[in-house]
Amino acid sequence: LPSGAPITVEAKNVRSGTGLLRAETQKTRASKSD
C-alpha cells in the first residue's frame, strides 16, 4: 500500500456448475507427512 504496509492476496477460481456460488479454499497438493 502507499503507506508501505504489505498485504497478501490469494487468487482462486469459483467452482464450476450450477447452484450456490462456491470458492474452494484448499491447496492442490498435500504433504504425505502432514
PDB file of all heavy atoms in Angstrom:
ATOM      1  N   LEU A   1       0.847  -1.182   0.000  1.00  0.00           N
ATOM      2  CA  LEU A   1       0.000   0.000   0.000  1.00  0.00           C
ATOM      3  C   LEU A   1       0.892   1.245   0.000  1.00  0.00           C
ATOM      4  O   LEU A   1       2.074   1.164   0.349  1.00  0.00           O
ATOM      5  CB  LEU A   1      -0.904  -0.016   1.231  1.00  0.00           C
ATOM      6  CG  LEU A   1      -1.812  -1.248   1.363  1.00  0.00           C
ATOM      7  CD1 LEU A   1      -2.592  -1.200   2.662  1.00  0.00           C
ATOM      8  CD2 LEU A   1      -2.734  -1.362   0.167  1.00  0.00           C
ATOM      9  N   PRO A   2       0.357   2.409  -0.359  1.00  0.00           N
ATOM     10  CA  PRO A   2       1.167   3.631  -0.340  1.00  0.00           C
ATOM     11  C   PRO A   2       1.802   3.905   1.029  1.00  0.00           C
ATOM     12  O   PRO A   2       2.862   4.513   1.109  1.00  0.00           O
ATOM     13  CB  PRO A   2       0.172   4.730  -0.727  1.00  0.00           C
ATOM     14  CG  PRO A   2      -0.821   4.019  -1.595  1.00  0.00           C
ATOM     15  CD  PRO A   2      -0.953   2.651  -0.974  1.00  0.00           C
ATOM     16  N   SER A   3       1.170   3.426   2.086  1.00  0.00           N
ATOM     17  CA  SER A   3       1.727   3.590   3.434  1.00  0.00           C
ATOM     18  C   SER A   3       2.961   2.723   3.655  1.00  0.00           C
ATOM     19  O   SER A   3       3.660   2.871   4.656  1.00  0.00           O
ATOM     20  CB  SER A   3       0.679   3.224   4.481  1.00  0.00           C
ATOM     21  OG  SER A   3       0.385   1.822   4.408  1.00  0.00           O
ATOM     22  N   GLY A   4       3.212   1.787   2.737  1.00  0.00           N
ATOM     23  CA  GLY A   4       4.340   0.869   2.883  1.00  0.00           C
ATOM     24  C   GLY A   4       3.952  -0.467   3.484  1.00  0.00           C
ATOM     25  O   GLY A   4       4.753  -1.394   3.511  1.00  0.00           O
ATOM     26  N   ALA A   5       2.718  -0.555   3.979  1.00  0.00           N
ATOM     27  CA  ALA A   5       2.265  -1.801   4.601  1.00  0.00           C
ATOM     28  C   ALA A   5       2.011  -2.864   3.530  1.00  0.00           C
ATOM     29  O   ALA A   5       1.325  -2.598   2.543  1.00  0.00           O
ATOM     30  CB  ALA A   5       0.997  -1.559   5.407  1.00  0.00           C
ATOM     31  N   PRO A   6       2.553  -4.073   3.709  1.00  0.00           N
ATOM     32  CA  PRO A   6       2.281  -5.143   2.743  1.00  0.00           C
ATOM     33  C   PRO A   6       1.030  -5.930   3.133  1.00  0.00           C
ATOM     34  O   PRO A   6       0.723  -6.099   4.312  1.00  0.00           O
ATOM     35  CB  PRO A   6       3.515  -6.034   2.858  1.00  0.00           C
ATOM     36  CG  PRO A   6       3.949  -5.866   4.283  1.00  0.00           C
ATOM     37  CD  PRO A   6       3.579  -4.454   4.672  1.00  0.00           C
ATOM     38  N   ILE A   7       0.289  -6.364   2.117  1.00  0.00           N
ATOM     39  CA  ILE A   7      -0.803  -7.307   2.327  1.00  0.00           C
ATOM     40  C   ILE A   7      -0.614  -8.441   1.329  1.00  0.00           C
ATOM     41  O   ILE A   7       0.047  -8.276   0.307  1.00  0.00           O
ATOM     42  CB  ILE A   7      -2.199  -6.657   2.168  1.00  0.00           C
ATOM     43  CG1 ILE A   7      -2.371  -6.102   0.753  1.00  0.00           C
ATOM     44  CG2 ILE A   7      -2.436  -5.594   3.210  1.00  0.00           C
ATOM     45  CD1 ILE A   7      -3.796  -5.729   0.446  1.00  0.00           C
ATOM     46  N   THR A   8      -1.181  -9.596   1.623  1.00  0.00           N
ATOM     47  CA  THR A   8      -1.041 -10.745   0.738  1.00  0.00           C
ATOM     48  C   THR A   8      -2.404 -11.121   0.166  1.00  0.00           C
ATOM     49  O   THR A   8      -3.435 -10.978   0.829  1.00  0.00           O
ATOM     50  CB  THR A   8      -0.424 -11.945   1.477  1.00  0.00           C
ATOM     51  OG1 THR A   8      -1.175 -12.196   2.671  1.00  0.00           O
ATOM     52  CG2 THR A   8       1.033 -11.669   1.836  1.00  0.00           C
ATOM     53  N   VAL A   9      -2.377 -11.607  -1.088  1.00  0.00           N
ATOM     54  CA  VAL A   9      -3.604 -11.942  -1.801  1.00  0.00           C
ATOM     55  C   VAL A   9      -3.449 -13.332  -2.405  1.00  0.00           C
ATOM     56  O   VAL A   9      -2.424 -13.635  -3.016  1.00  0.00           O
ATOM     57  CB  VAL A   9      -3.890 -10.913  -2.919  1.00  0.00           C
ATOM     58  CG1 VAL A   9      -5.148 -11.289  -3.694  1.00  0.00           C
ATOM     59  CG2 VAL A   9      -4.002  -9.501  -2.350  1.00  0.00           C
ATOM     60  N   GLU A  10      -4.458 -14.153  -2.230  1.00  0.00           N
ATOM     61  CA  GLU A  10      -4.515 -15.487  -2.832  1.00  0.00           C
ATOM     62  C   GLU A  10      -5.646 -15.488  -3.850  1.00  0.00           C
ATOM     63  O   GLU A  10      -6.774 -15.080  -3.538  1.00  0.00           O
ATOM     64  CB  GLU A  10      -4.778 -16.549  -1.765  1.00  0.00           C
ATOM     65  CG  GLU A  10      -4.771 -17.960  -2.257  1.00  0.00           C
ATOM     66  CD  GLU A  10      -3.394 -18.474  -2.679  1.00  0.00           C
ATOM     67  OE1 GLU A  10      -2.363 -17.922  -2.228  1.00  0.00           O
ATOM     68  OE2 GLU A  10      -3.358 -19.433  -3.473  1.00  0.00           O
ATOM     69  N   ALA A  11      -5.355 -15.924  -5.087  1.00  0.00           N
ATOM     70  CA  ALA A  11      -6.366 -15.974  -6.149  1.00  0.00           C
ATOM     71  C   ALA A  11      -6.860 -17.406  -6.318  1.00  0.00           C
ATOM     72  O   ALA A  11      -6.076 -18.345  -6.389  1.00  0.00           O
ATOM     73  CB  ALA A  11      -5.782 -15.460  -7.460  1.00  0.00           C
ATOM     74  N   LYS A  12      -8.172 -17.564  -6.395  1.00  0.00           N
ATOM     75  CA  LYS A  12      -8.800 -18.862  -6.607  1.00  0.00           C
ATOM     76  C   LYS A  12      -9.924 -18.709  -7.615  1.00  0.00           C
ATOM     77  O   LYS A  12     -10.509 -17.643  -7.747  1.00  0.00           O
ATOM     78  CB  LYS A  12      -9.397 -19.422  -5.300  1.00  0.00           C
ATOM     79  CG  LYS A  12      -8.379 -19.807  -4.263  1.00  0.00           C
ATOM     80  CD  LYS A  12      -7.640 -21.025  -4.710  1.00  0.00           C
ATOM     81  CE  LYS A  12      -6.679 -21.540  -3.667  1.00  0.00           C
ATOM     82  NZ  LYS A  12      -5.862 -22.611  -4.189  1.00  0.00           N
ATOM     83  N   ASN A  13     -10.259 -19.776  -8.304  1.00  0.00           N
ATOM     84  CA  ASN A  13     -11.400 -19.790  -9.207  1.00  0.00           C
ATOM     85  C   ASN A  13     -12.640 -20.252  -8.450  1.00  0.00           C
ATOM     86  O   ASN A  13     -12.568 -21.128  -7.592  1.00  0.00           O
ATOM     87  CB  ASN A  13     -11.149 -20.753 -10.376  1.00  0.00           C
ATOM     88  CG  ASN A  13     -10.292 -20.137 -11.435  1.00  0.00           C
ATOM     89  OD1 ASN A  13     -10.577 -19.048 -11.926  1.00  0.00           O
ATOM     90  ND2 ASN A  13      -9.225 -20.815 -11.819  1.00  0.00           N
ATOM     91  N   VAL A  14     -13.789 -19.665  -8.821  1.00  0.00           N
ATOM     92  CA  VAL A  14     -15.056 -20.148  -8.293  1.00  0.00           C
ATOM     93  C   VAL A  14     -15.305 -21.535  -8.898  1.00  0.00           C
ATOM     94  O   VAL A  14     -14.831 -21.839  -9.995  1.00  0.00           O
ATOM     95  CB  VAL A  14     -16.182 -19.144  -8.620  1.00  0.00           C
ATOM     96  CG1 VAL A  14     -16.566 -19.172 -10.072  1.00  0.00           C
ATOM     97  CG2 VAL A  14     -17.392 -19.374  -7.760  1.00  0.00           C
ATOM     98  N   ARG A  15     -16.003 -22.377  -8.189  1.00  0.00           N
ATOM     99  CA  ARG A  15     -16.303 -23.722  -8.686  1.00  0.00           C
ATOM    100  C   ARG A  15     -17.253 -23.652  -9.874  1.00  0.00           C
ATOM    101  O   ARG A  15     -18.134 -22.811  -9.925  1.00  0.00           O
ATOM    102  CB  ARG A  15     -16.949 -24.574  -7.588  1.00  0.00           C
ATOM    103  CG  ARG A  15     -16.120 -24.822  -6.349  1.00  0.00           C
ATOM    104  CD  ARG A  15     -15.022 -25.854  -6.537  1.00  0.00           C
ATOM    105  NE  ARG A  15     -15.461 -27.154  -6.951  1.00  0.00           N
ATOM    106  CZ  ARG A  15     -15.662 -28.192  -6.152  1.00  0.00           C
ATOM    107  NH1 ARG A  15     -15.486 -28.083  -4.863  1.00  0.00           N
ATOM    108  NH2 ARG A  15     -16.036 -29.354  -6.655  1.00  0.00           N
ATOM    109  N   SER A  16     -17.091 -24.557 -10.799  1.00  0.00           N
ATOM    110  CA  SER A  16     -17.993 -24.679 -11.955  1.00  0.00           C
ATOM    111  C   SER A  16     -19.323 -25.261 -11.501  1.00  0.00           C
ATOM    112  O   SER A  16     -19.451 -25.749 -10.385  1.00  0.00           O
ATOM    113  CB  SER A  16     -17.381 -25.610 -13.005  1.00  0.00           C
ATOM    114  OG  SER A  16     -16.186 -25.086 -13.487  1.00  0.00           O
ATOM    115  N   GLY A  17     -20.293 -25.236 -12.389  1.00  0.00           N
ATOM    116  CA  GLY A  17     -21.580 -25.871 -12.114  1.00  0.00           C
ATOM    117  C   GLY A  17     -22.664 -24.854 -11.859  1.00  0.00           C
ATOM    118  O   GLY A  17     -22.524 -23.666 -12.111  1.00  0.00           O
ATOM    119  N   THR A  18     -23.757 -25.368 -11.337  1.00  0.00           N
ATOM    120  CA  THR A  18     -24.904 -24.518 -11.036  1.00  0.00           C
ATOM    121  C   THR A  18     -25.131 -24.515  -9.537  1.00  0.00           C
ATOM    122  O   THR A  18     -24.442 -25.219  -8.801  1.00  0.00           O
ATOM    123  CB  THR A  18     -26.164 -25.032 -11.764  1.00  0.00           C
ATOM    124  OG1 THR A  18     -26.412 -26.375 -11.336  1.00  0.00           O
ATOM    125  CG2 THR A  18     -25.993 -24.978 -13.270  1.00  0.00           C
ATOM    126  N   GLY A  19     -26.097 -23.762  -9.105  1.00  0.00           N
ATOM    127  CA  GLY A  19     -26.408 -23.713  -7.684  1.00  0.00           C
ATOM    128  C   GLY A  19     -25.596 -22.648  -6.983  1.00  0.00           C
ATOM    129  O   GLY A  19     -25.231 -21.632  -7.566  1.00  0.00           O
ATOM    130  N   LEU A  20     -25.296 -22.910  -5.727  1.00  0.00           N
ATOM    131  CA  LEU A  20     -24.582 -21.934  -4.914  1.00  0.00           C
ATOM    132  C   LEU A  20     -23.234 -21.591  -5.530  1.00  0.00           C
ATOM    133  O   LEU A  20     -22.546 -22.445  -6.092  1.00  0.00           O
ATOM    134  CB  LEU A  20     -24.353 -22.492  -3.505  1.00  0.00           C
ATOM    135  CG  LEU A  20     -25.606 -22.750  -2.666  1.00  0.00           C
ATOM    136  CD1 LEU A  20     -25.230 -23.451  -1.366  1.00  0.00           C
ATOM    137  CD2 LEU A  20     -26.340 -21.460  -2.377  1.00  0.00           C
ATOM    138  N   LEU A  21     -22.864 -20.333  -5.390  1.00  0.00           N
ATOM    139  CA  LEU A  21     -21.539 -19.882  -5.811  1.00  0.00           C
ATOM    140  C   LEU A  21     -20.561 -20.278  -4.703  1.00  0.00           C
ATOM    141  O   LEU A  21     -20.757 -19.919  -3.538  1.00  0.00           O
ATOM    142  CB  LEU A  21     -21.574 -18.365  -5.993  1.00  0.00           C
ATOM    143  CG  LEU A  21     -20.531 -17.716  -6.852  1.00  0.00           C
ATOM    144  CD1 LEU A  21     -20.519 -18.297  -8.257  1.00  0.00           C
ATOM    145  CD2 LEU A  21     -20.767 -16.213  -6.901  1.00  0.00           C
ATOM    146  N   ARG A  22     -19.533 -21.050  -5.085  1.00  0.00           N
ATOM    147  CA  ARG A  22     -18.623 -21.589  -4.067  1.00  0.00           C
ATOM    148  C   ARG A  22     -17.177 -21.412  -4.505  1.00  0.00           C
ATOM    149  O   ARG A  22     -16.839 -21.625  -5.664  1.00  0.00           O
ATOM    150  CB  ARG A  22     -18.878 -23.075  -3.853  1.00  0.00           C
ATOM    151  CG  ARG A  22     -20.271 -23.392  -3.373  1.00  0.00           C
ATOM    152  CD  ARG A  22     -20.601 -24.863  -3.443  1.00  0.00           C
ATOM    153  NE  ARG A  22     -20.590 -25.277  -4.857  1.00  0.00           N
ATOM    154  CZ  ARG A  22     -20.254 -26.485  -5.271  1.00  0.00           C
ATOM    155  NH1 ARG A  22     -19.917 -27.418  -4.421  1.00  0.00           N
ATOM    156  NH2 ARG A  22     -20.266 -26.786  -6.556  1.00  0.00           N
ATOM    157  N   ALA A  23     -16.336 -21.054  -3.553  1.00  0.00           N
ATOM    158  CA  ALA A  23     -14.892 -20.995  -3.779  1.00  0.00           C
ATOM    159  C   ALA A  23     -14.249 -22.110  -2.965  1.00  0.00           C
ATOM    160  O   ALA A  23     -14.567 -22.297  -1.791  1.00  0.00           O
ATOM    161  CB  ALA A  23     -14.329 -19.648  -3.348  1.00  0.00           C
ATOM    162  N   GLU A  24     -13.379 -22.853  -3.614  1.00  0.00           N
ATOM    163  CA  GLU A  24     -12.670 -23.932  -2.922  1.00  0.00           C
ATOM    164  C   GLU A  24     -11.361 -23.376  -2.382  1.00  0.00           C
ATOM    165  O   GLU A  24     -10.522 -22.903  -3.131  1.00  0.00           O
ATOM    166  CB  GLU A  24     -12.393 -25.081  -3.885  1.00  0.00           C
ATOM    167  CG  GLU A  24     -11.758 -26.267  -3.212  1.00  0.00           C
ATOM    168  CD  GLU A  24     -11.613 -27.456  -4.145  1.00  0.00           C
ATOM    169  OE1 GLU A  24     -12.331 -27.520  -5.156  1.00  0.00           O
ATOM    170  OE2 GLU A  24     -10.775 -28.309  -3.836  1.00  0.00           O
ATOM    171  N   THR A  25     -11.222 -23.424  -1.078  1.00  0.00           N
ATOM    172  CA  THR A  25     -10.022 -22.879  -0.438  1.00  0.00           C
ATOM    173  C   THR A  25      -9.211 -24.017   0.169  1.00  0.00           C
ATOM    174  O   THR A  25      -9.131 -24.175   1.392  1.00  0.00           O
ATOM    175  CB  THR A  25     -10.386 -21.827   0.627  1.00  0.00           C
ATOM    176  OG1 THR A  25     -11.422 -22.347   1.456  1.00  0.00           O
ATOM    177  CG2 THR A  25     -10.848 -20.539  -0.007  1.00  0.00           C
ATOM    178  N   GLN A  26      -8.654 -24.805  -0.719  1.00  0.00           N
ATOM    179  CA  GLN A  26      -7.670 -25.793  -0.289  1.00  0.00           C
ATOM    180  C   GLN A  26      -6.585 -25.850  -1.351  1.00  0.00           C
ATOM    181  O   GLN A  26      -6.803 -25.491  -2.501  1.00  0.00           O
ATOM    182  CB  GLN A  26      -8.275 -27.161  -0.043  1.00  0.00           C
ATOM    183  CG  GLN A  26      -8.683 -27.930  -1.256  1.00  0.00           C
ATOM    184  CD  GLN A  26      -9.191 -29.317  -0.898  1.00  0.00           C
ATOM    185  OE1 GLN A  26      -9.078 -29.765   0.229  1.00  0.00           O
ATOM    186  NE2 GLN A  26      -9.757 -29.995  -1.865  1.00  0.00           N
ATOM    187  N   LYS A  27      -5.422 -26.301  -0.964  1.00  0.00           N
ATOM    188  CA  LYS A  27      -4.288 -26.350  -1.878  1.00  0.00           C
ATOM    189  C   LYS A  27      -4.393 -27.569  -2.785  1.00  0.00           C
ATOM    190  O   LYS A  27      -5.040 -28.559  -2.451  1.00  0.00           O
ATOM    191  CB  LYS A  27      -2.987 -26.409  -1.078  1.00  0.00           C
ATOM    192  CG  LYS A  27      -2.802 -25.200  -0.189  1.00  0.00           C
ATOM    193  CD  LYS A  27      -1.598 -25.380   0.675  1.00  0.00           C
ATOM    194  CE  LYS A  27      -1.609 -24.391   1.816  1.00  0.00           C
ATOM    195  NZ  LYS A  27      -0.604 -24.693   2.804  1.00  0.00           N
ATOM    196  N   THR A  28      -3.723 -27.480  -3.928  1.00  0.00           N
ATOM    197  CA  THR A  28      -3.739 -28.564  -4.907  1.00  0.00           C
ATOM    198  C   THR A  28      -2.986 -29.783  -4.400  1.00  0.00           C
ATOM    199  O   THR A  28      -3.394 -30.911  -4.621  1.00  0.00           O
ATOM    200  CB  THR A  28      -3.086 -28.084  -6.219  1.00  0.00           C
ATOM    201  OG1 THR A  28      -3.761 -26.897  -6.630  1.00  0.00           O
ATOM    202  CG2 THR A  28      -3.195 -29.127  -7.309  1.00  0.00           C
ATOM    203  N   ARG A  29      -1.896 -29.539  -3.707  1.00  0.00           N
ATOM    204  CA  ARG A  29      -1.046 -30.643  -3.251  1.00  0.00           C
ATOM    205  C   ARG A  29      -0.986 -30.681  -1.728  1.00  0.00           C
ATOM    206  O   ARG A  29      -1.139 -29.663  -1.080  1.00  0.00           O
ATOM    207  CB  ARG A  29       0.372 -30.474  -3.804  1.00  0.00           C
ATOM    208  CG  ARG A  29       0.447 -30.612  -5.304  1.00  0.00           C
ATOM    209  CD  ARG A  29       1.818 -30.153  -5.831  1.00  0.00           C
ATOM    210  NE  ARG A  29       1.791 -29.900  -7.250  1.00  0.00           N
ATOM    211  CZ  ARG A  29       1.348 -28.792  -7.806  1.00  0.00           C
ATOM    212  NH1 ARG A  29       0.877 -27.829  -7.068  1.00  0.00           N
ATOM    213  NH2 ARG A  29       1.355 -28.649  -9.120  1.00  0.00           N
ATOM    214  N   ALA A  30      -0.715 -31.866  -1.210  1.00  0.00           N
ATOM    215  CA  ALA A  30      -0.556 -32.036   0.233  1.00  0.00           C
ATOM    216  C   ALA A  30       0.732 -32.797   0.506  1.00  0.00           C
ATOM    217  O   ALA A  30       1.195 -33.578  -0.316  1.00  0.00           O
ATOM    218  CB  ALA A  30      -1.743 -32.804   0.807  1.00  0.00           C
ATOM    219  N   SER A  31       1.274 -32.555   1.667  1.00  0.00           N
ATOM    220  CA  SER A  31       2.451 -33.278   2.119  1.00  0.00           C
ATOM    221  C   SER A  31       2.001 -34.623   2.694  1.00  0.00           C
ATOM    222  O   SER A  31       1.040 -34.692   3.451  1.00  0.00           O
ATOM    223  CB  SER A  31       3.163 -32.461   3.200  1.00  0.00           C
ATOM    224  OG  SER A  31       4.064 -33.256   3.910  1.00  0.00           O
ATOM    225  N   LYS A  32       2.689 -35.686   2.338  1.00  0.00           N
ATOM    226  CA  LYS A  32       2.327 -37.008   2.867  1.00  0.00           C
ATOM    227  C   LYS A  32       2.486 -37.075   4.381  1.00  0.00           C
ATOM    228  O   LYS A  32       1.796 -37.833   5.049  1.00  0.00           O
ATOM    229  CB  LYS A  32       3.172 -38.085   2.201  1.00  0.00           C
ATOM    230  CG  LYS A  32       2.820 -38.276   0.744  1.00  0.00           C
ATOM    231  CD  LYS A  32       3.659 -39.365   0.122  1.00  0.00           C
ATOM    232  CE  LYS A  32       3.305 -39.496  -1.350  1.00  0.00           C
ATOM    233  NZ  LYS A  32       4.039 -40.530  -2.033  1.00  0.00           N
ATOM    234  N   SER A  33       3.378 -36.253   4.925  1.00  0.00           N
ATOM    235  CA  SER A  33       3.644 -36.312   6.361  1.00  0.00           C
ATOM    236  C   SER A  33       2.725 -35.409   7.187  1.00  0.00           C
ATOM    237  O   SER A  33       2.739 -35.486   8.402  1.00  0.00           O
ATOM    238  CB  SER A  33       5.104 -35.939   6.622  1.00  0.00           C
ATOM    239  OG  SER A  33       5.337 -34.600   6.202  1.00  0.00           O
ATOM    240  N   ASP A  34       1.923 -34.570   6.521  1.00  0.00           N
ATOM    241  CA  ASP A  34       1.063 -33.638   7.248  1.00  0.00           C
ATOM    242  C   ASP A  34      -0.338 -33.631   6.632  1.00  0.00           C
ATOM    243  O   ASP A  34      -0.573 -32.999   5.614  1.00  0.00           O
ATOM    244  CB  ASP A  34       1.662 -32.230   7.208  1.00  0.00           C
ATOM    245  CG  ASP A  34       0.819 -31.211   7.955  1.00  0.00           C
ATOM    246  OD1 ASP A  34      -0.192 -31.591   8.591  1.00  0.00           O
ATOM    247  OD2 ASP A  34       1.170 -30.015   7.899  1.00  0.00           O
TER     248      ASP A  34
END
